[in-house]
PDB file of N, CA and C in Angstrom:
ATOM      1  N   MET A   1       0.834  -1.162   0.000  1.00  0.00           N
ATOM      2  CA  MET A   1       0.000   0.000   0.000  1.00  0.00           C
ATOM      3  C   MET A   1       0.883   1.231   0.000  1.00  0.00           C
ATOM      4  N   GLU A   2       0.454   2.217  -0.734  1.00  0.00           N
ATOM      5  CA  GLU A   2       1.288   3.403  -0.845  1.00  0.00           C
ATOM      6  C   GLU A   2       0.837   4.546   0.050  1.00  0.00           C
ATOM      7  N   THR A   3      -0.453   4.604   0.400  1.00  0.00           N
ATOM      8  CA  THR A   3      -0.934   5.723   1.197  1.00  0.00           C
ATOM      9  C   THR A   3      -1.828   5.231   2.330  1.00  0.00           C
ATOM     10  N   GLY A   4      -2.011   6.095   3.318  1.00  0.00           N
ATOM     11  CA  GLY A   4      -2.924   5.778   4.401  1.00  0.00           C
ATOM     12  C   GLY A   4      -4.348   5.650   3.905  1.00  0.00           C
ATOM     13  N   GLY A   5      -4.710   6.471   2.905  1.00  0.00           N
ATOM     14  CA  GLY A   5      -6.047   6.398   2.334  1.00  0.00           C
ATOM     15  C   GLY A   5      -6.306   5.058   1.683  1.00  0.00           C
ATOM     16  N   GLU A   6      -5.305   4.556   0.985  1.00  0.00           N
ATOM     17  CA  GLU A   6      -5.442   3.241   0.358  1.00  0.00           C
ATOM     18  C   GLU A   6      -5.569   2.153   1.426  1.00  0.00           C
ATOM     19  N   ALA A   7      -4.791   2.283   2.500  1.00  0.00           N
ATOM     20  CA  ALA A   7      -4.857   1.303   3.585  1.00  0.00           C
ATOM     21  C   ALA A   7      -6.260   1.280   4.190  1.00  0.00           C
ATOM     22  N   LYS A   8      -6.847   2.444   4.439  1.00  0.00           N
ATOM     23  CA  LYS A   8      -8.199   2.511   5.003  1.00  0.00           C
ATOM     24  C   LYS A   8      -9.198   1.841   4.070  1.00  0.00           C
ATOM     25  N   PHE A   9      -9.050   2.071   2.772  1.00  0.00           N
ATOM     26  CA  PHE A   9      -9.937   1.469   1.776  1.00  0.00           C
ATOM     27  C   PHE A   9      -9.825  -0.054   1.823  1.00  0.00           C
ATOM     28  N   ARG A  10      -8.606  -0.575   1.904  1.00  0.00           N
ATOM     29  CA  ARG A  10      -8.380  -2.026   1.943  1.00  0.00           C
ATOM     30  C   ARG A  10      -8.953  -2.642   3.218  1.00  0.00           C
ATOM     31  N   VAL A  11      -8.772  -1.960   4.354  1.00  0.00           N
ATOM     32  CA  VAL A  11      -9.303  -2.469   5.623  1.00  0.00           C
ATOM     33  C   VAL A  11     -10.822  -2.508   5.568  1.00  0.00           C
ATOM     34  N   GLN A  12     -11.441  -1.407   5.153  1.00  0.00           N
ATOM     35  CA  GLN A  12     -12.901  -1.356   5.082  1.00  0.00           C
ATOM     36  C   GLN A  12     -13.457  -2.377   4.097  1.00  0.00           C
ATOM     37  N   GLY A  13     -12.681  -2.718   3.081  1.00  0.00           N
ATOM     38  CA  GLY A  13     -13.117  -3.686   2.084  1.00  0.00           C
ATOM     39  C   GLY A  13     -12.957  -5.134   2.529  1.00  0.00           C
ATOM     40  N   GLY A  14     -12.461  -5.354   3.744  1.00  0.00           N
ATOM     41  CA  GLY A  14     -12.330  -6.708   4.273  1.00  0.00           C
ATOM     42  C   GLY A  14     -11.133  -7.468   3.733  1.00  0.00           C
ATOM     43  N   GLU A  15     -10.123  -6.754   3.251  1.00  0.00           N
ATOM     44  CA  GLU A  15      -8.942  -7.402   2.669  1.00  0.00           C
ATOM     45  C   GLU A  15      -7.834  -7.666   3.685  1.00  0.00           C
ATOM     46  N   VAL A  16      -8.015  -7.203   4.907  1.00  0.00           N
ATOM     47  CA  VAL A  16      -6.975  -7.326   5.932  1.00  0.00           C
ATOM     48  C   VAL A  16      -7.466  -8.250   7.037  1.00  0.00           C
ATOM     49  N   ARG A  17      -6.572  -9.122   7.487  1.00  0.00           N
ATOM     50  CA  ARG A  17      -6.894 -10.009   8.612  1.00  0.00           C
ATOM     51  C   ARG A  17      -6.011  -9.630   9.794  1.00  0.00           C
ATOM     52  N   LEU A  18      -6.596  -9.702  10.976  1.00  0.00           N
ATOM     53  CA  LEU A  18      -5.868  -9.470  12.216  1.00  0.00           C
ATOM     54  C   LEU A  18      -6.069 -10.698  13.084  1.00  0.00           C
ATOM     55  N   ASN A  19      -4.992 -11.372  13.386  1.00  0.00           N
ATOM     56  CA  ASN A  19      -5.028 -12.597  14.190  1.00  0.00           C
ATOM     57  C   ASN A  19      -5.993 -13.629  13.597  1.00  0.00           C
ATOM     58  N   GLY A  20      -6.003 -13.719  12.265  1.00  0.00           N
ATOM     59  CA  GLY A  20      -6.797 -14.725  11.574  1.00  0.00           C
ATOM     60  C   GLY A  20      -8.217 -14.325  11.237  1.00  0.00           C
ATOM     61  N   ASP A  21      -8.682 -13.187  11.762  1.00  0.00           N
ATOM     62  CA  ASP A  21     -10.041 -12.728  11.503  1.00  0.00           C
ATOM     63  C   ASP A  21     -10.033 -11.494  10.619  1.00  0.00           C
ATOM     64  N   ILE A  22     -11.033 -11.363   9.746  1.00  0.00           N
ATOM     65  CA  ILE A  22     -11.148 -10.168   8.914  1.00  0.00           C
ATOM     66  C   ILE A  22     -11.367  -8.975   9.825  1.00  0.00           C
ATOM     67  N   GLU A  23     -10.593  -7.924   9.588  1.00  0.00           N
ATOM     68  CA  GLU A  23     -10.676  -6.704  10.407  1.00  0.00           C
ATOM     69  C   GLU A  23     -11.146  -5.547   9.537  1.00  0.00           C
ATOM     70  N   THR A  24     -12.253  -4.923   9.902  1.00  0.00           N
ATOM     71  CA  THR A  24     -12.784  -3.803   9.116  1.00  0.00           C
ATOM     72  C   THR A  24     -12.754  -2.483   9.875  1.00  0.00           C
ATOM     73  N   ARG A  25     -12.282  -2.496  11.117  1.00  0.00           N
ATOM     74  CA  ARG A  25     -12.187  -1.248  11.891  1.00  0.00           C
ATOM     75  C   ARG A  25     -10.909  -0.519  11.499  1.00  0.00           C
ATOM     76  N   ARG A  26     -11.053   0.742  11.092  1.00  0.00           N
ATOM     77  CA  ARG A  26      -9.895   1.508  10.638  1.00  0.00           C
ATOM     78  C   ARG A  26      -8.979   1.937  11.780  1.00  0.00           C
ATOM     79  N   ARG A  27      -9.491   2.107  12.961  1.00  0.00           N
ATOM     80  CA  ARG A  27      -8.684   2.625  14.063  1.00  0.00           C
ATOM     81  C   ARG A  27      -8.370   1.565  15.112  1.00  0.00           C
ATOM     82  N   LYS A  28      -8.358   0.320  14.723  1.00  0.00           N
ATOM     83  CA  LYS A  28      -8.056  -0.774  15.649  1.00  0.00           C
ATOM     84  C   LYS A  28      -6.621  -0.651  16.135  1.00  0.00           C
ATOM     85  N   LYS A  29      -6.446  -0.673  17.449  1.00  0.00           N
ATOM     86  CA  LYS A  29      -5.093  -0.596  18.008  1.00  0.00           C
ATOM     87  C   LYS A  29      -4.414  -1.954  17.893  1.00  0.00           C
ATOM     88  N   LEU A  30      -3.166  -1.926  17.491  1.00  0.00           N
ATOM     89  CA  LEU A  30      -2.383  -3.151  17.402  1.00  0.00           C
ATOM     90  C   LEU A  30      -1.538  -3.286  18.657  1.00  0.00           C
ATOM     91  N   ARG A  31      -1.329  -4.521  19.051  1.00  0.00           N
ATOM     92  CA  ARG A  31      -0.518  -4.796  20.236  1.00  0.00           C
ATOM     93  C   ARG A  31       0.579  -5.800  19.885  1.00  0.00           C
ATOM     94  N   ARG A  32       1.621  -5.807  20.679  1.00  0.00           N
ATOM     95  CA  ARG A  32       2.722  -6.740  20.470  1.00  0.00           C
ATOM     96  C   ARG A  32       2.167  -8.155  20.371  1.00  0.00           C
ATOM     97  N   GLY A  33       2.607  -8.885  19.355  1.00  0.00           N
ATOM     98  CA  GLY A  33       2.166 -10.266  19.160  1.00  0.00           C
ATOM     99  C   GLY A  33       1.011 -10.402  18.173  1.00  0.00           C
ATOM    100  N   ASP A  34       0.314  -9.292  17.853  1.00  0.00           N
ATOM    101  CA  ASP A  34      -0.745  -9.354  16.849  1.00  0.00           C
ATOM    102  C   ASP A  34      -0.146  -9.740  15.502  1.00  0.00           C
ATOM    103  N   VAL A  35      -0.923 -10.472  14.697  1.00  0.00           N
ATOM    104  CA  VAL A  35      -0.478 -10.875  13.367  1.00  0.00           C
ATOM    105  C   VAL A  35      -1.419 -10.246  12.343  1.00  0.00           C
ATOM    106  N   VAL A  36      -0.842  -9.462  11.431  1.00  0.00           N
ATOM    107  CA  VAL A  36      -1.598  -8.784  10.388  1.00  0.00           C
ATOM    108  C   VAL A  36      -1.283  -9.455   9.060  1.00  0.00           C
ATOM    109  N   GLU A  37      -2.335  -9.757   8.276  1.00  0.00           N
ATOM    110  CA  GLU A  37      -2.153 -10.394   6.971  1.00  0.00           C
ATOM    111  C   GLU A  37      -2.846  -9.566   5.904  1.00  0.00           C
ATOM    112  N   TYR A  38      -2.136  -9.371   4.783  1.00  0.00           N
ATOM    113  CA  TYR A  38      -2.690  -8.656   3.641  1.00  0.00           C
ATOM    114  C   TYR A  38      -1.965  -9.114   2.381  1.00  0.00           C
ATOM    115  N   ALA A  39      -2.716  -9.414   1.358  1.00  0.00           N
ATOM    116  CA  ALA A  39      -2.172  -9.766   0.037  1.00  0.00           C
ATOM    117  C   ALA A  39      -1.117 -10.871   0.118  1.00  0.00           C
ATOM    118  N   GLY A  40      -1.384 -11.874   0.929  1.00  0.00           N
ATOM    119  CA  GLY A  40      -0.472 -13.007   1.010  1.00  0.00           C
ATOM    120  C   GLY A  40       0.748 -12.786   1.883  1.00  0.00           C
ATOM    121  N   GLN A  41       0.835 -11.615   2.512  1.00  0.00           N
ATOM    122  CA  GLN A  41       1.968 -11.352   3.397  1.00  0.00           C
ATOM    123  C   GLN A  41       1.485 -11.327   4.835  1.00  0.00           C
ATOM    124  N   ARG A  42       2.345 -11.770   5.718  1.00  0.00           N
ATOM    125  CA  ARG A  42       2.004 -11.881   7.132  1.00  0.00           C
ATOM    126  C   ARG A  42       3.083 -11.178   7.945  1.00  0.00           C
ATOM    127  N   VAL A  43       2.660 -10.312   8.871  1.00  0.00           N
ATOM    128  CA  VAL A  43       3.602  -9.565   9.694  1.00  0.00           C
ATOM    129  C   VAL A  43       3.167  -9.660  11.145  1.00  0.00           C
ATOM    130  N   GLU A  44       4.113  -9.949  12.033  1.00  0.00           N
ATOM    131  CA  GLU A  44       3.820  -9.977  13.460  1.00  0.00           C
ATOM    132  C   GLU A  44       4.271  -8.657  14.066  1.00  0.00           C
ATOM    133  N   VAL A  45       3.399  -8.037  14.849  1.00  0.00           N
ATOM    134  CA  VAL A  45       3.714  -6.758  15.508  1.00  0.00           C
ATOM    135  C   VAL A  45       4.734  -7.042  16.606  1.00  0.00           C
ATOM    136  N   ASP A  46       5.829  -6.271  16.589  1.00  0.00           N
ATOM    137  CA  ASP A  46       6.928  -6.528  17.510  1.00  0.00           C
ATOM    138  C   ASP A  46       7.453  -5.225  18.121  1.00  0.00           C
ATOM    139  N   TRP A  47       6.573  -4.393  18.669  1.00  0.00           N
ATOM    140  CA  TRP A  47       7.042  -3.198  19.362  1.00  0.00           C
ATOM    141  C   TRP A  47       6.416  -3.086  20.703  1.00  0.00           C
TER     142      TRP A  47
END
């Protein structure tokens, strides 16, 4: 994703998963250990 606007569009469209579930909330807080998946890529939050 190139912009925050595009990211919001993708989240609202149900294209993003958080911990295995579709996430449609744009302002969902992420926590250490959360796993975000989009377009075949998976990232674990590590801060």
